[in-house]
Amino acid sequence: MPTPDLSTAVWRKAKMSESAQGCVEVADLGGGLIAVRNSSDPARAAHVYPVGDWEEFLAYLRGERPKSTRIQVAITADAVVLSDCADETVLPHTYTNHEWECFMSGVQNREAQLSAA
């Protein structure tokens, strides 16, 4: 998949992340694509997913669907790592447990800014 232009992307985050230093940020790119990045490392390439894969991942996080096949999350005592299994050239994003908890609050509450418009 060609890398879309993210220069005009509008990045959004979970409500609990408003005052957080770093967080999971999501941008609806249009054309059926969603971008995800770590706000504390904006220079790192964003992950870009088809909307269907992102929505499947959110449903998995809410316990509504089996494990996502493309987007993988690994949670340890020290960090949370988000990986794109379909594009191994894109480096994983690493979040603190607090950053992930803020994101998960938004996922569980179905905050619209974390989904496709």
C-alpha atoms as a PDB file:
ATOM      1  CA  MET A   1       0.000   0.000   0.000  1.00  0.00           C
ATOM      2  CA  PRO A   2       1.459   3.410  -0.931  1.00  0.00           C
ATOM      3  CA  THR A   3       2.117   5.698   2.026  1.00  0.00           C
ATOM      4  CA  PRO A   4      -0.589   8.360   2.160  1.00  0.00           C
ATOM      5  CA  ASP A   5       0.223  12.020   2.787  1.00  0.00           C
ATOM      6  CA  LEU A   6      -0.264  12.634   6.515  1.00  0.00           C
ATOM      7  CA  SER A   7       0.678  16.336   6.450  1.00  0.00           C
ATOM      8  CA  THR A   8      -2.962  17.416   6.710  1.00  0.00           C
ATOM      9  CA  ALA A   9      -4.134  14.585   8.968  1.00  0.00           C
ATOM     10  CA  VAL A  10      -6.260  15.609  11.946  1.00  0.00           C
ATOM     11  CA  TRP A  11      -4.997  13.547  14.879  1.00  0.00           C
ATOM     12  CA  ARG A  12      -7.443  12.649  17.650  1.00  0.00           C
ATOM     13  CA  LYS A  13      -7.110  10.837  20.954  1.00  0.00           C
ATOM     14  CA  ALA A  14      -9.228   9.417  23.746  1.00  0.00           C
ATOM     15  CA  LYS A  15     -10.797  11.909  26.152  1.00  0.00           C
ATOM     16  CA  MET A  16      -8.763  10.535  29.072  1.00  0.00           C
ATOM     17  CA  SER A  17      -5.606  11.306  27.077  1.00  0.00           C
ATOM     18  CA  GLU A  18      -6.301  15.037  26.857  1.00  0.00           C
ATOM     19  CA  SER A  19      -3.738  15.929  29.513  1.00  0.00           C
ATOM     20  CA  ALA A  20      -1.374  13.024  28.872  1.00  0.00           C
ATOM     21  CA  GLN A  21       2.101  13.689  27.472  1.00  0.00           C
ATOM     22  CA  GLY A  22       1.979  10.751  25.081  1.00  0.00           C
ATOM     23  CA  CYS A  23      -0.963   8.848  23.718  1.00  0.00           C
ATOM     24  CA  VAL A  24      -2.425   6.716  20.977  1.00  0.00           C
ATOM     25  CA  GLU A  25      -3.480   9.120  18.215  1.00  0.00           C
ATOM     26  CA  VAL A  26      -5.842   8.221  15.374  1.00  0.00           C
ATOM     27  CA  ALA A  27      -6.544  10.062  12.106  1.00  0.00           C
ATOM     28  CA  ASP A  28      -9.290   9.268   9.599  1.00  0.00           C
ATOM     29  CA  LEU A  29      -7.504   9.745   6.267  1.00  0.00           C
ATOM     30  CA  GLY A  30     -10.575   9.273   4.104  1.00  0.00           C
ATOM     31  CA  GLY A  31     -10.562   6.794   1.263  1.00  0.00           C
ATOM     32  CA  GLY A  32     -11.167   3.976   3.721  1.00  0.00           C
ATOM     33  CA  LEU A  33      -7.900   4.431   5.647  1.00  0.00           C
ATOM     34  CA  ILE A  34      -7.059   5.106   9.310  1.00  0.00           C
ATOM     35  CA  ALA A  35      -3.625   6.168  10.601  1.00  0.00           C
ATOM     36  CA  VAL A  36      -2.352   5.448  14.121  1.00  0.00           C
ATOM     37  CA  ARG A  37       0.718   6.917  15.814  1.00  0.00           C
ATOM     38  CA  ASN A  38       2.297   7.580  19.188  1.00  0.00           C
ATOM     39  CA  SER A  39       2.089  11.291  19.997  1.00  0.00           C
ATOM     40  CA  SER A  40       5.327  11.116  21.987  1.00  0.00           C
ATOM     41  CA  ASP A  41       7.145   9.894  18.842  1.00  0.00           C
ATOM     42  CA  PRO A  42       5.486  11.698  15.883  1.00  0.00           C
ATOM     43  CA  ALA A  43       8.590  11.298  13.706  1.00  0.00           C
ATOM     44  CA  ARG A  44       8.111   7.514  13.666  1.00  0.00           C
ATOM     45  CA  ALA A  45       6.060   6.334  10.708  1.00  0.00           C
ATOM     46  CA  ALA A  46       2.364   6.027  11.460  1.00  0.00           C
ATOM     47  CA  HIS A  47       0.618   2.716  10.974  1.00  0.00           C
ATOM     48  CA  VAL A  48      -1.972   2.962   8.188  1.00  0.00           C
ATOM     49  CA  TYR A  49      -4.826   0.465   8.165  1.00  0.00           C
ATOM     50  CA  PRO A  50      -7.955  -0.102   6.120  1.00  0.00           C
ATOM     51  CA  VAL A  51     -10.953   1.061   8.165  1.00  0.00           C
ATOM     52  CA  GLY A  52     -12.287  -2.502   8.349  1.00  0.00           C
ATOM     53  CA  ASP A  53      -9.089  -3.761   9.996  1.00  0.00           C
ATOM     54  CA  TRP A  54      -9.131  -0.902  12.520  1.00  0.00           C
ATOM     55  CA  GLU A  55     -12.791  -1.450  13.392  1.00  0.00           C
ATOM     56  CA  GLU A  56     -12.103  -5.200  13.765  1.00  0.00           C
ATOM     57  CA  PHE A  57      -9.241  -4.374  16.148  1.00  0.00           C
ATOM     58  CA  LEU A  58     -11.423  -2.033  18.246  1.00  0.00           C
ATOM     59  CA  ALA A  59     -14.106  -4.740  18.450  1.00  0.00           C
ATOM     60  CA  TYR A  60     -11.439  -7.238  19.561  1.00  0.00           C
ATOM     61  CA  LEU A  61     -10.283  -4.846  22.299  1.00  0.00           C
ATOM     62  CA  ARG A  62     -13.899  -4.558  23.507  1.00  0.00           C
ATOM     63  CA  GLY A  63     -14.168  -8.362  23.611  1.00  0.00           C
ATOM     64  CA  GLU A  64     -16.711  -8.494  20.778  1.00  0.00           C
ATOM     65  CA  ARG A  65     -14.644 -10.403  18.195  1.00  0.00           C
ATOM     66  CA  PRO A  66     -11.836 -12.938  18.057  1.00  0.00           C
ATOM     67  CA  LYS A  67      -8.251 -11.745  17.886  1.00  0.00           C
ATOM     68  CA  SER A  68      -7.448  -9.277  15.133  1.00  0.00           C
ATOM     69  CA  THR A  69      -5.352 -10.809  12.368  1.00  0.00           C
ATOM     70  CA  ARG A  70      -3.550  -7.701  11.122  1.00  0.00           C
ATOM     71  CA  ILE A  71      -3.132  -5.449  14.154  1.00  0.00           C
ATOM     72  CA  GLN A  72      -1.392  -7.094  17.078  1.00  0.00           C
ATOM     73  CA  VAL A  73      -0.956  -5.812  20.610  1.00  0.00           C
ATOM     74  CA  ALA A  74       1.487  -7.178  23.189  1.00  0.00           C
ATOM     75  CA  ILE A  75       1.001  -6.056  26.785  1.00  0.00           C
ATOM     76  CA  THR A  76       3.741  -6.491  29.371  1.00  0.00           C
ATOM     77  CA  ALA A  77       4.317  -5.088  32.840  1.00  0.00           C
ATOM     78  CA  ASP A  78       6.448  -2.307  31.335  1.00  0.00           C
ATOM     79  CA  ALA A  79       4.848  -1.351  28.024  1.00  0.00           C
ATOM     80  CA  VAL A  80       2.287  -1.995  25.315  1.00  0.00           C
ATOM     81  CA  VAL A  81       3.501  -2.659  21.770  1.00  0.00           C
ATOM     82  CA  LEU A  82       1.245  -2.197  18.729  1.00  0.00           C
ATOM     83  CA  SER A  83       2.392  -3.942  15.531  1.00  0.00           C
ATOM     84  CA  ASP A  84       1.170  -4.141  11.941  1.00  0.00           C
ATOM     85  CA  CYS A  85       1.502  -7.781  10.890  1.00  0.00           C
ATOM     86  CA  ALA A  86       0.805  -6.941   7.240  1.00  0.00           C
ATOM     87  CA  ASP A  87       3.678  -4.442   6.953  1.00  0.00           C
ATOM     88  CA  GLU A  88       6.802  -5.499   8.790  1.00  0.00           C
ATOM     89  CA  THR A  89       8.707  -2.507   7.365  1.00  0.00           C
ATOM     90  CA  VAL A  90       6.777  -0.215   9.720  1.00  0.00           C
ATOM     91  CA  LEU A  91       8.270  -0.187  13.200  1.00  0.00           C
ATOM     92  CA  PRO A  92       5.991  -1.077  16.115  1.00  0.00           C
ATOM     93  CA  HIS A  93       4.650   1.675  18.342  1.00  0.00           C
ATOM     94  CA  THR A  94       5.378   1.408  22.058  1.00  0.00           C
ATOM     95  CA  TYR A  95       3.126   2.997  24.678  1.00  0.00           C
ATOM     96  CA  THR A  96       3.274   3.213  28.444  1.00  0.00           C
ATOM     97  CA  ASN A  97       0.643   1.269  30.322  1.00  0.00           C
ATOM     98  CA  HIS A  98      -0.967   4.567  31.361  1.00  0.00           C
ATOM     99  CA  GLU A  99      -1.177   5.753  27.731  1.00  0.00           C
ATOM    100  CA  TRP A 100      -2.795   2.442  26.777  1.00  0.00           C
ATOM    101  CA  GLU A 101      -5.259   2.632  29.688  1.00  0.00           C
ATOM    102  CA  CYS A 102      -6.386   6.072  28.486  1.00  0.00           C
ATOM    103  CA  PHE A 103      -6.842   4.730  24.947  1.00  0.00           C
ATOM    104  CA  MET A 104      -8.706   1.651  26.204  1.00  0.00           C
ATOM    105  CA  SER A 105     -11.089   3.873  28.167  1.00  0.00           C
ATOM    106  CA  GLY A 106     -11.993   5.565  24.891  1.00  0.00           C
ATOM    107  CA  VAL A 107     -12.362   2.215  23.123  1.00  0.00           C
ATOM    108  CA  GLN A 108     -14.627   0.809  25.847  1.00  0.00           C
ATOM    109  CA  ASN A 109     -16.727   3.997  25.827  1.00  0.00           C
ATOM    110  CA  ARG A 110     -16.936   3.885  22.011  1.00  0.00           C
ATOM    111  CA  GLU A 111     -15.590   7.417  21.648  1.00  0.00           C
ATOM    112  CA  ALA A 112     -16.323   8.455  18.078  1.00  0.00           C
ATOM    113  CA  GLN A 113     -12.963  10.172  17.569  1.00  0.00           C
ATOM    114  CA  LEU A 114     -11.201   6.786  17.718  1.00  0.00           C
ATOM    115  CA  SER A 115     -13.238   5.330  14.829  1.00  0.00           C
ATOM    116  CA  ALA A 116     -13.657   6.212  11.196  1.00  0.00           C
ATOM    117  CA  ALA A 117     -15.863   9.241  10.622  1.00  0.00           C
END
